[in-house]
Protein backbone atom coordinates (compact mmCIF):
# COMPACT_ATOMS: atom_id res chain seq x y z
CA ALA A 1 -15.42 5.83 9.81
CA ASP A 2 -16.97 2.97 7.90
CA PRO A 3 -14.68 2.04 4.96
CA LEU A 4 -17.63 0.34 3.24
CA LYS A 5 -19.84 3.43 3.37
CA GLY A 6 -20.71 4.59 -0.11
CA LEU A 7 -19.86 1.34 -1.86
CA VAL A 8 -22.60 0.47 -4.31
CA ASP A 9 -24.08 -2.97 -4.77
CA GLY A 10 -21.55 -5.07 -6.66
CA GLY A 11 -18.76 -2.58 -5.92
CA THR A 12 -15.17 -3.55 -5.19
CA PHE A 13 -13.34 -3.32 -1.87
CA ILE A 14 -9.58 -3.96 -1.69
CA LEU A 15 -8.04 -4.34 1.75
CA GLN A 16 -4.36 -4.28 2.73
CA SER A 17 -3.52 -7.25 4.95
CA SER A 18 -0.76 -9.76 5.46
CA LEU A 19 -3.38 -12.32 6.48
CA ALA A 20 -4.86 -14.95 4.17
CA PRO A 21 -8.31 -14.10 2.74
CA ASP A 22 -10.12 -16.55 5.03
CA GLU A 23 -8.39 -15.09 8.09
CA VAL A 24 -9.28 -11.56 7.00
CA TRP A 25 -12.92 -12.58 6.64
CA ARG A 26 -12.96 -14.08 10.13
CA GLU A 27 -11.38 -10.93 11.61
CA LEU A 28 -13.85 -8.50 10.04
CA PRO A 29 -16.59 -7.16 12.28
CA THR A 30 -19.90 -8.95 11.77
CA ARG A 31 -21.48 -5.76 10.49
CA ALA A 32 -18.81 -5.42 7.80
CA ARG A 33 -19.24 -9.04 6.70
CA ARG A 34 -23.00 -8.54 6.51
CA THR A 35 -22.61 -5.39 4.40
CA ILE A 36 -20.19 -7.09 2.01
CA ARG A 37 -22.52 -10.07 1.57
CA ASN A 38 -25.73 -8.06 1.28
CA LYS A 39 -24.27 -5.66 -1.27
CA ARG A 40 -22.48 -8.48 -3.12
CA ILE A 41 -19.26 -6.48 -2.89
CA ARG A 42 -16.27 -7.94 -4.70
CA PHE A 43 -13.78 -8.20 -1.86
CA TYR A 44 -10.03 -8.57 -2.41
CA VAL A 45 -7.07 -8.76 -0.06
CA ILE A 46 -3.58 -7.65 -1.02
CA ASP A 47 -0.37 -7.60 0.96
CA ALA A 48 0.92 -4.50 -0.81
CA PHE A 49 3.68 -4.15 1.77
CA ASP A 50 5.03 -7.58 0.83
CA VAL A 51 4.89 -6.67 -2.88
CA ALA A 52 6.71 -3.40 -2.18
CA LYS A 53 9.40 -5.11 -0.08
CA LYS A 54 10.27 -7.35 -3.01
CA HIS A 55 10.99 -4.32 -5.20
CA ALA A 56 12.18 -1.50 -2.96
CA PRO A 57 15.53 -1.38 -1.19
CA ASP A 58 14.59 1.01 1.64
CA PRO A 59 11.55 1.55 3.90
CA ALA A 60 10.69 5.01 2.53
CA LEU A 61 10.55 3.66 -1.01
CA GLN A 62 8.60 0.62 0.18
CA THR A 63 5.88 2.91 1.52
CA ARG A 64 5.56 4.65 -1.84
CA MET A 65 5.65 1.34 -3.69
CA MET A 66 2.69 0.07 -1.65
CA GLY A 67 0.58 2.64 -3.50
CA ILE A 68 1.95 1.44 -6.82
CA ALA A 69 1.01 -2.14 -5.88
CA PHE A 70 -2.52 -0.94 -5.10
CA ILE A 71 -2.72 0.61 -8.57
CA GLY A 72 -2.15 -2.88 -9.96
CA ALA A 73 -4.82 -4.37 -7.71
CA VAL A 74 -7.31 -1.68 -8.70
CA VAL A 75 -6.77 -1.74 -12.46
CA ALA A 76 -6.94 -5.54 -12.47
CA ASN A 77 -10.07 -5.90 -10.34
CA VAL A 78 -12.28 -2.81 -10.46
CA ASP A 79 -14.73 -3.03 -13.37
CA LYS A 80 -15.29 0.73 -13.56
CA VAL A 81 -11.54 1.18 -14.11
CA SER A 82 -10.93 -1.67 -16.55
CA ALA A 83 -14.26 -1.27 -18.38
CA GLY A 84 -13.90 -4.86 -19.56
CA ALA A 85 -10.69 -4.17 -21.48
CA PRO A 86 -8.13 -6.96 -21.82
CA ARG A 87 -5.37 -6.97 -19.20
CA ASP A 88 -2.62 -6.20 -21.74
CA GLU A 89 -4.49 -3.10 -22.91
CA ILE A 90 -5.06 -1.90 -19.34
CA MET A 91 -1.42 -2.41 -18.41
CA ALA A 92 -0.29 -0.55 -21.55
CA LYS A 93 -2.36 2.43 -20.40
CA VAL A 94 -0.86 2.22 -16.92
CA ARG A 95 2.63 2.11 -18.44
CA ALA A 96 1.81 5.23 -20.47
CA GLN A 97 0.84 7.03 -17.25
CA ILE A 98 4.02 5.83 -15.55
CA ALA A 99 6.01 7.16 -18.52
CA LYS A 100 4.33 10.57 -18.09
CA LYS A 101 5.18 10.64 -14.39
CA TRP A 102 8.64 9.03 -14.27
CA GLY A 103 9.76 8.76 -17.90
CA ALA A 104 12.43 11.43 -17.47
CA LYS A 105 14.09 9.23 -14.81
CA GLY A 106 14.77 6.51 -17.36
CA GLU A 107 13.55 3.15 -18.57
CA ALA A 108 14.80 1.28 -15.48
CA ILE A 109 12.59 3.38 -13.16
CA MET A 110 9.58 2.87 -15.43
CA ASP A 111 10.23 -0.87 -15.63
CA ALA A 112 10.61 -1.11 -11.84
CA ASN A 113 7.32 0.70 -11.24
CA MET A 114 5.55 -1.40 -13.85
CA ALA A 115 6.87 -4.58 -12.20
CA VAL A 116 5.26 -3.47 -8.92
CA VAL A 117 1.95 -2.74 -10.73
CA LEU A 118 1.96 -6.19 -12.32
CA ASP A 119 2.86 -7.92 -9.05
CA GLY A 120 0.14 -5.91 -7.27
CA ALA A 121 -2.40 -7.07 -9.84
CA ASP A 122 -1.35 -10.68 -9.29
CA ALA A 123 -1.18 -10.37 -5.48
CA ALA A 124 -4.80 -9.27 -5.03
CA VAL A 125 -6.75 -12.35 -3.93
CA ALA A 126 -10.53 -12.56 -3.97
CA VAL A 127 -12.23 -13.42 -0.69
CA ASP A 128 -14.71 -16.20 -1.50
CA TYR A 129 -17.21 -15.37 1.21
CA ASP A 130 -19.82 -17.59 -0.46
CA GLY A 131 -17.53 -20.61 -0.22
CA PRO A 132 -18.48 -23.28 2.30
CA ASP A 133 -15.75 -22.40 4.81
CA LEU A 134 -16.53 -18.69 5.00
CA ALA A 135 -20.31 -18.68 4.50
CA THR A 136 -20.82 -20.48 7.81
CA ILE A 137 -19.01 -17.81 9.83
CA SER A 138 -20.59 -14.73 8.25
CA ASP A 139 -22.84 -13.99 11.20
CA LEU A 140 -20.47 -15.03 13.97
CA ALA A 141 -18.94 -12.30 16.09
CA ALA A 142 -15.39 -11.37 15.16
CA PRO A 143 -12.74 -12.17 17.75
CA LEU A 144 -11.63 -9.26 19.88
CA PRO A 145 -8.37 -7.75 18.68
CA LEU A 146 -5.29 -8.60 20.69
CA ARG A 147 -3.55 -5.36 19.78
CA THR A 148 -5.45 -2.20 20.50
CA VAL A 149 -4.74 1.48 21.01
CA ALA A 150 -4.76 0.82 24.75
CA LEU A 151 -1.93 -1.68 24.30
CA SER A 152 0.09 0.93 22.38
CA ALA A 153 -0.42 3.47 25.15
CA GLN A 154 0.56 0.89 27.76
CA MET A 155 3.74 0.02 25.86
CA ALA A 156 4.62 3.72 25.60
CA ASP A 157 4.45 3.90 29.41
CA CYS A 158 3.14 7.44 29.31
CA GLY A 159 0.44 7.02 31.98
CA ALA A 160 -1.90 9.98 32.36
CA THR A 161 0.07 12.07 29.87
CA CYS A 162 -1.20 9.99 26.95
CA ALA A 163 -4.15 11.39 25.12
CA SER A 164 -7.28 9.31 25.34
CA ALA A 165 -7.73 6.74 22.61
CA SER A 166 -11.44 7.50 22.48
CA GLY A 167 -12.46 9.46 19.45
CA LEU A 168 -9.85 7.84 17.21
CA PHE A 169 -12.25 5.26 15.87
CA ASP A 170 -15.93 4.99 15.08
CA TYR A 171 -16.66 2.24 17.61
CA SER A 172 -20.22 1.85 16.31
CA TYR A 173 -18.62 0.26 13.23
CA TYR A 174 -17.04 -2.48 15.31
CA ASP A 175 -18.93 -5.15 17.24
CA LEU A 176 -17.07 -4.69 20.50
């Protein structure tokens, strides 16, 4: 499916990636870059996994904390959510929601979750696709991925018993 489908002009798109914003832009399919530029979408990249790893001691908790990091990225960067309110006011409202959800577990749990929200807000980096470095590559074809579903099937060494990878993705979205 197209993750940009339904985004309005001037909307916000936040993408999880460990890559730098310029690398993410280069890796996006040409069609996605065109849509982002034409709709003037505010595009952010966050490594929510990295944020979560800094705060969570085990992998299961890290997965949950990724979502908490995204909350920070969203409340800090999506106009419809923040409605132009100052950051301190927004974060106070987030803390109130955290208190409703986890308040019974104690102040330390609330503080830990709030720290992830704040780090998530700070970790979201805008992709400056109008900047001179990225504007010139907007219409270039994206490089072919090195890691694909076929590679995963090959590594699993399951031969004909593996289900076909076709149908997993909307290949019309990608410029392959």
